[in-house]
Amino acid sequence: MDERRRITDPEVLKGLAQPLRRKLYRLLTQLGPATAGALAKRTETDPGLVSYHLRELGKTGYIEQAPELARDRRERWWRAVPGSTSWSNSDFADPEGQAIVATVKAQMVADQLERLSAYQRGSWSREWTEAATTTEGGLRLTPGELRAMSEEIQEVLVRWSQVGRGGADDGREHVFMFLHMFPEKP
């Protein structure tokens, strides 16, 4: 089962406020453990800067060192801490906390839209383009119903995340999904 960590400390959430850190964290969750050098090549960034941001992500508990993968004492491997994270605006009532939440959410949405644009610019097989989906809709729900629906969707995501575990080249690709559900006044 997916371990879920609730973030309530603004300093921990701030760990995701920096764009390169978000990218490094995403790469570690998608590709598995890696060294700063390998991540620097993937992000076309200076290895020293990557090392700094990896240490910062480690301090906030998003990633951890994987010393068992090192071939010598100088090599440092990092991996994402298993499980997912969540937070709620209501956990950050003070102005500084609200500013951090707003920054992280704005960067997340910009990142999500950029990833969608990259997919649309890409050249995927017909099988993949027919399997991909985009949907939009409107529902009339109470807060309790929206919460129940959100929990049910999370359970489905956790179940499907277990399907692709492993590392075999079996035709699977990383599939990115983002969904926003919120009240709206028409």
C-alpha atoms as a PDB file:
ATOM      1  CA  MET A   1       0.000   0.000   0.000  1.00  0.00           C
ATOM      2  CA  ASP A   2       1.174   3.534  -0.734  1.00  0.00           C
ATOM      3  CA  GLU A   3       2.570   5.341   2.320  1.00  0.00           C
ATOM      4  CA  ARG A   4       1.254   8.891   2.344  1.00  0.00           C
ATOM      5  CA  ARG A   5       3.022  11.689   4.202  1.00  0.00           C
ATOM      6  CA  ARG A   6       1.034  14.811   5.087  1.00  0.00           C
ATOM      7  CA  ILE A   7       3.144  17.973   4.941  1.00  0.00           C
ATOM      8  CA  THR A   8       2.192  20.613   7.506  1.00  0.00           C
ATOM      9  CA  ASP A   9       5.564  22.342   7.978  1.00  0.00           C
ATOM     10  CA  PRO A  10       6.113  25.284   5.585  1.00  0.00           C
ATOM     11  CA  GLU A  11       9.888  24.673   5.636  1.00  0.00           C
ATOM     12  CA  VAL A  12       9.335  21.132   4.338  1.00  0.00           C
ATOM     13  CA  LEU A  13       6.921  22.294   1.652  1.00  0.00           C
ATOM     14  CA  LYS A  14       9.432  24.979   0.669  1.00  0.00           C
ATOM     15  CA  GLY A  15      11.694  22.104  -0.423  1.00  0.00           C
ATOM     16  CA  LEU A  16       9.510  21.793  -3.519  1.00  0.00           C
ATOM     17  CA  ALA A  17       9.331  25.518  -4.226  1.00  0.00           C
ATOM     18  CA  GLN A  18      12.524  25.485  -6.292  1.00  0.00           C
ATOM     19  CA  PRO A  19      12.012  24.312  -9.929  1.00  0.00           C
ATOM     20  CA  LEU A  20      15.248  22.292 -10.222  1.00  0.00           C
ATOM     21  CA  ARG A  21      14.443  20.457  -6.973  1.00  0.00           C
ATOM     22  CA  ARG A  22      11.010  19.553  -8.305  1.00  0.00           C
ATOM     23  CA  LYS A  23      12.618  18.206 -11.482  1.00  0.00           C
ATOM     24  CA  LEU A  24      15.261  16.211  -9.566  1.00  0.00           C
ATOM     25  CA  TYR A  25      12.626  14.751  -7.255  1.00  0.00           C
ATOM     26  CA  ARG A  26      10.471  13.787 -10.246  1.00  0.00           C
ATOM     27  CA  LEU A  27      13.423  12.108 -11.998  1.00  0.00           C
ATOM     28  CA  LEU A  28      14.239  10.090  -8.889  1.00  0.00           C
ATOM     29  CA  THR A  29      10.615   8.971  -8.534  1.00  0.00           C
ATOM     30  CA  GLN A  30      10.398   8.034 -12.226  1.00  0.00           C
ATOM     31  CA  LEU A  31      13.815   6.530 -12.901  1.00  0.00           C
ATOM     32  CA  GLY A  32      14.903   5.283  -9.513  1.00  0.00           C
ATOM     33  CA  PRO A  33      18.181   5.924  -7.704  1.00  0.00           C
ATOM     34  CA  ALA A  34      20.821   8.072  -9.387  1.00  0.00           C
ATOM     35  CA  THR A  35      23.989  10.031  -8.715  1.00  0.00           C
ATOM     36  CA  ALA A  36      24.282  13.800  -8.884  1.00  0.00           C
ATOM     37  CA  GLY A  37      26.425  13.394 -12.002  1.00  0.00           C
ATOM     38  CA  ALA A  38      23.800  11.350 -13.822  1.00  0.00           C
ATOM     39  CA  LEU A  39      21.065  13.800 -12.825  1.00  0.00           C
ATOM     40  CA  ALA A  40      23.230  16.749 -13.902  1.00  0.00           C
ATOM     41  CA  LYS A  41      23.550  15.225 -17.383  1.00  0.00           C
ATOM     42  CA  ARG A  42      19.786  14.638 -17.604  1.00  0.00           C
ATOM     43  CA  THR A  43      18.970  18.186 -16.511  1.00  0.00           C
ATOM     44  CA  GLU A  44      21.935  19.804 -18.308  1.00  0.00           C
ATOM     45  CA  THR A  45      22.880  21.470 -15.021  1.00  0.00           C
ATOM     46  CA  ASP A  46      26.164  21.927 -13.153  1.00  0.00           C
ATOM     47  CA  PRO A  47      26.858  18.840 -10.960  1.00  0.00           C
ATOM     48  CA  GLY A  48      27.728  21.049  -7.954  1.00  0.00           C
ATOM     49  CA  LEU A  49      24.358  22.788  -8.176  1.00  0.00           C
ATOM     50  CA  VAL A  50      22.583  19.438  -8.521  1.00  0.00           C
ATOM     51  CA  SER A  51      24.438  18.107  -5.454  1.00  0.00           C
ATOM     52  CA  TYR A  52      23.372  21.146  -3.438  1.00  0.00           C
ATOM     53  CA  HIS A  53      19.700  20.727  -4.368  1.00  0.00           C
ATOM     54  CA  LEU A  54      19.820  16.983  -3.687  1.00  0.00           C
ATOM     55  CA  ARG A  55      21.122  17.707  -0.179  1.00  0.00           C
ATOM     56  CA  GLU A  56      18.320  20.241   0.332  1.00  0.00           C
ATOM     57  CA  LEU A  57      15.716  17.688  -0.795  1.00  0.00           C
ATOM     58  CA  GLY A  58      17.305  15.217   1.609  1.00  0.00           C
ATOM     59  CA  LYS A  59      17.024  17.670   4.510  1.00  0.00           C
ATOM     60  CA  THR A  60      13.281  18.001   3.928  1.00  0.00           C
ATOM     61  CA  GLY A  61      12.749  14.240   3.670  1.00  0.00           C
ATOM     62  CA  TYR A  62      11.768  13.926   0.006  1.00  0.00           C
ATOM     63  CA  ILE A  63      14.840  11.885  -0.893  1.00  0.00           C
ATOM     64  CA  GLU A  64      17.499   9.890   0.925  1.00  0.00           C
ATOM     65  CA  GLN A  65      20.968   8.595   0.234  1.00  0.00           C
ATOM     66  CA  ALA A  66      21.370   5.053  -1.084  1.00  0.00           C
ATOM     67  CA  PRO A  67      24.906   4.203   0.120  1.00  0.00           C
ATOM     68  CA  GLU A  68      24.558   0.519  -0.762  1.00  0.00           C
ATOM     69  CA  LEU A  69      24.673   1.468  -4.464  1.00  0.00           C
ATOM     70  CA  ALA A  70      28.002   3.317  -4.255  1.00  0.00           C
ATOM     71  CA  ARG A  71      31.009   1.638  -5.838  1.00  0.00           C
ATOM     72  CA  ASP A  72      33.455   3.686  -3.752  1.00  0.00           C
ATOM     73  CA  ARG A  73      33.471   6.156  -0.862  1.00  0.00           C
ATOM     74  CA  ARG A  74      33.244   9.214  -3.130  1.00  0.00           C
ATOM     75  CA  GLU A  75      30.187   8.088  -5.108  1.00  0.00           C
ATOM     76  CA  ARG A  76      26.891   9.268  -3.628  1.00  0.00           C
ATOM     77  CA  TRP A  77      23.565   7.797  -4.785  1.00  0.00           C
ATOM     78  CA  TRP A  78      20.150   9.269  -4.008  1.00  0.00           C
ATOM     79  CA  ARG A  79      16.637   7.812  -4.166  1.00  0.00           C
ATOM     80  CA  ALA A  80      13.137   9.130  -3.587  1.00  0.00           C
ATOM     81  CA  VAL A  81      11.639   8.245  -0.228  1.00  0.00           C
ATOM     82  CA  PRO A  82       8.860   5.723  -0.948  1.00  0.00           C
ATOM     83  CA  GLY A  83       5.260   6.907  -0.801  1.00  0.00           C
ATOM     84  CA  SER A  84       3.464  10.061  -1.753  1.00  0.00           C
ATOM     85  CA  THR A  85       3.053  13.442  -0.147  1.00  0.00           C
ATOM     86  CA  SER A  86       0.042  15.673   0.294  1.00  0.00           C
ATOM     87  CA  TRP A  87      -0.795  18.999   1.884  1.00  0.00           C
ATOM     88  CA  SER A  88      -3.756  21.265   2.312  1.00  0.00           C
ATOM     89  CA  ASN A  89      -3.968  25.049   2.135  1.00  0.00           C
ATOM     90  CA  SER A  90      -5.758  24.947   5.494  1.00  0.00           C
ATOM     91  CA  ASP A  91      -2.570  23.610   7.151  1.00  0.00           C
ATOM     92  CA  PHE A  92      -0.744  26.856   6.297  1.00  0.00           C
ATOM     93  CA  ALA A  93      -2.765  29.680   7.829  1.00  0.00           C
ATOM     94  CA  ASP A  94      -0.027  32.303   8.286  1.00  0.00           C
ATOM     95  CA  PRO A  95       0.919  34.625   5.369  1.00  0.00           C
ATOM     96  CA  GLU A  96       4.353  33.030   4.864  1.00  0.00           C
ATOM     97  CA  GLY A  97       2.834  29.550   4.688  1.00  0.00           C
ATOM     98  CA  GLN A  98       0.150  30.720   2.264  1.00  0.00           C
ATOM     99  CA  ALA A  99       2.838  32.310   0.060  1.00  0.00           C
ATOM    100  CA  ILE A 100       4.803  29.045  -0.025  1.00  0.00           C
ATOM    101  CA  VAL A 101       1.657  27.052  -0.882  1.00  0.00           C
ATOM    102  CA  ALA A 102       0.770  29.513  -3.661  1.00  0.00           C
ATOM    103  CA  THR A 103       4.297  29.340  -5.098  1.00  0.00           C
ATOM    104  CA  VAL A 104       4.486  25.547  -5.038  1.00  0.00           C
ATOM    105  CA  LYS A 105       1.009  25.140  -6.544  1.00  0.00           C
ATOM    106  CA  ALA A 106       1.698  27.700  -9.299  1.00  0.00           C
ATOM    107  CA  GLN A 107       4.927  25.921 -10.191  1.00  0.00           C
ATOM    108  CA  MET A 108       3.188  22.549 -10.156  1.00  0.00           C
ATOM    109  CA  VAL A 109       0.492  23.761 -12.558  1.00  0.00           C
ATOM    110  CA  ALA A 110       3.078  25.370 -14.869  1.00  0.00           C
ATOM    111  CA  ASP A 111       5.090  22.130 -14.821  1.00  0.00           C
ATOM    112  CA  GLN A 112       1.977  20.049 -15.529  1.00  0.00           C
ATOM    113  CA  LEU A 113       1.030  22.219 -18.506  1.00  0.00           C
ATOM    114  CA  GLU A 114       4.596  22.107 -19.857  1.00  0.00           C
ATOM    115  CA  ARG A 115       4.617  18.313 -19.613  1.00  0.00           C
ATOM    116  CA  LEU A 116       1.277  18.174 -21.451  1.00  0.00           C
ATOM    117  CA  SER A 117       2.679  20.446 -24.177  1.00  0.00           C
ATOM    118  CA  ALA A 118       5.794  18.255 -24.488  1.00  0.00           C
ATOM    119  CA  TYR A 119       3.560  15.192 -24.934  1.00  0.00           C
ATOM    120  CA  GLN A 120       1.548  16.962 -27.632  1.00  0.00           C
ATOM    121  CA  ARG A 121       4.747  17.996 -29.463  1.00  0.00           C
ATOM    122  CA  GLY A 122       6.134  14.460 -29.225  1.00  0.00           C
ATOM    123  CA  SER A 123       5.792  11.621 -31.666  1.00  0.00           C
ATOM    124  CA  TRP A 124       4.089   8.709 -29.970  1.00  0.00           C
ATOM    125  CA  SER A 125       2.738   5.631 -31.688  1.00  0.00           C
ATOM    126  CA  ARG A 126      -0.936   5.441 -32.580  1.00  0.00           C
ATOM    127  CA  GLU A 127      -1.400   2.866 -29.811  1.00  0.00           C
ATOM    128  CA  TRP A 128      -0.144   5.364 -27.216  1.00  0.00           C
ATOM    129  CA  THR A 129      -2.066   8.355 -28.579  1.00  0.00           C
ATOM    130  CA  GLU A 130      -5.296   6.349 -28.592  1.00  0.00           C
ATOM    131  CA  ALA A 131      -4.661   5.168 -25.027  1.00  0.00           C
ATOM    132  CA  ALA A 132      -4.031   8.704 -23.717  1.00  0.00           C
ATOM    133  CA  THR A 133      -7.010  10.702 -22.548  1.00  0.00           C
ATOM    134  CA  THR A 134      -8.051  14.219 -21.715  1.00  0.00           C
ATOM    135  CA  THR A 135     -11.292  14.880 -19.969  1.00  0.00           C
ATOM    136  CA  GLU A 136     -13.175  17.766 -18.506  1.00  0.00           C
ATOM    137  CA  GLY A 137     -16.503  17.872 -16.770  1.00  0.00           C
ATOM    138  CA  GLY A 138     -18.574  19.401 -14.083  1.00  0.00           C
ATOM    139  CA  LEU A 139     -20.350  17.814 -11.144  1.00  0.00           C
ATOM    140  CA  ARG A 140     -22.607  19.097  -8.375  1.00  0.00           C
ATOM    141  CA  LEU A 141     -21.255  17.755  -5.092  1.00  0.00           C
ATOM    142  CA  THR A 142     -21.125  18.560  -1.397  1.00  0.00           C
ATOM    143  CA  PRO A 143     -17.695  18.926   0.270  1.00  0.00           C
ATOM    144  CA  GLY A 144     -18.122  15.434   1.746  1.00  0.00           C
ATOM    145  CA  GLU A 145     -18.949  13.936  -1.647  1.00  0.00           C
ATOM    146  CA  LEU A 146     -15.953  15.650  -3.246  1.00  0.00           C
ATOM    147  CA  ARG A 147     -13.703  14.329  -0.469  1.00  0.00           C
ATOM    148  CA  ALA A 148     -15.081  10.796  -0.928  1.00  0.00           C
ATOM    149  CA  MET A 149     -14.587  10.967  -4.690  1.00  0.00           C
ATOM    150  CA  SER A 150     -11.009  12.254  -4.202  1.00  0.00           C
ATOM    151  CA  GLU A 151     -10.225   9.388  -1.828  1.00  0.00           C
ATOM    152  CA  GLU A 152     -11.667   6.846  -4.258  1.00  0.00           C
ATOM    153  CA  ILE A 153      -9.590   8.244  -7.133  1.00  0.00           C
ATOM    154  CA  GLN A 154      -6.483   8.133  -4.920  1.00  0.00           C
ATOM    155  CA  GLU A 155      -7.177   4.458  -4.154  1.00  0.00           C
ATOM    156  CA  VAL A 156      -7.428   3.725  -7.889  1.00  0.00           C
ATOM    157  CA  LEU A 157      -4.135   5.537  -8.536  1.00  0.00           C
ATOM    158  CA  VAL A 158      -2.367   3.637  -5.764  1.00  0.00           C
ATOM    159  CA  ARG A 159      -3.695   0.325  -7.116  1.00  0.00           C
ATOM    160  CA  TRP A 160      -2.534   1.098 -10.672  1.00  0.00           C
ATOM    161  CA  SER A 161       0.843   2.389  -9.471  1.00  0.00           C
ATOM    162  CA  GLN A 162       1.533  -1.122  -8.148  1.00  0.00           C
ATOM    163  CA  VAL A 163       0.980  -2.642 -11.620  1.00  0.00           C
ATOM    164  CA  GLY A 164       4.016  -1.012 -13.189  1.00  0.00           C
ATOM    165  CA  ARG A 165       6.476  -1.640 -10.368  1.00  0.00           C
ATOM    166  CA  GLY A 166       9.696  -3.281 -11.361  1.00  0.00           C
ATOM    167  CA  GLY A 167      12.219  -2.365 -13.957  1.00  0.00           C
ATOM    168  CA  ALA A 168      11.726  -4.801 -16.782  1.00  0.00           C
ATOM    169  CA  ASP A 169      11.464  -3.477 -20.316  1.00  0.00           C
ATOM    170  CA  ASP A 170       7.964  -4.812 -20.872  1.00  0.00           C
ATOM    171  CA  GLY A 171       6.498  -2.104 -23.111  1.00  0.00           C
ATOM    172  CA  ARG A 172       5.501   0.159 -20.250  1.00  0.00           C
ATOM    173  CA  GLU A 173       6.208   3.897 -20.349  1.00  0.00           C
ATOM    174  CA  HIS A 174       5.979   6.446 -17.578  1.00  0.00           C
ATOM    175  CA  VAL A 175       2.429   7.812 -17.694  1.00  0.00           C
ATOM    176  CA  PHE A 176       1.852  11.254 -16.250  1.00  0.00           C
ATOM    177  CA  MET A 177      -1.561  12.097 -14.913  1.00  0.00           C
ATOM    178  CA  PHE A 178      -2.794  15.267 -13.362  1.00  0.00           C
ATOM    179  CA  LEU A 179      -6.251  16.032 -12.158  1.00  0.00           C
ATOM    180  CA  HIS A 180      -7.619  19.098 -10.456  1.00  0.00           C
ATOM    181  CA  MET A 181     -10.944  19.004  -8.645  1.00  0.00           C
ATOM    182  CA  PHE A 182     -12.234  22.112  -6.921  1.00  0.00           C
ATOM    183  CA  PRO A 183     -15.441  24.088  -6.379  1.00  0.00           C
ATOM    184  CA  GLU A 184     -16.304  26.727  -8.922  1.00  0.00           C
ATOM    185  CA  LYS A 185     -18.936  29.430  -9.069  1.00  0.00           C
ATOM    186  CA  PRO A 186     -20.231  29.682 -12.657  1.00  0.00           C
END
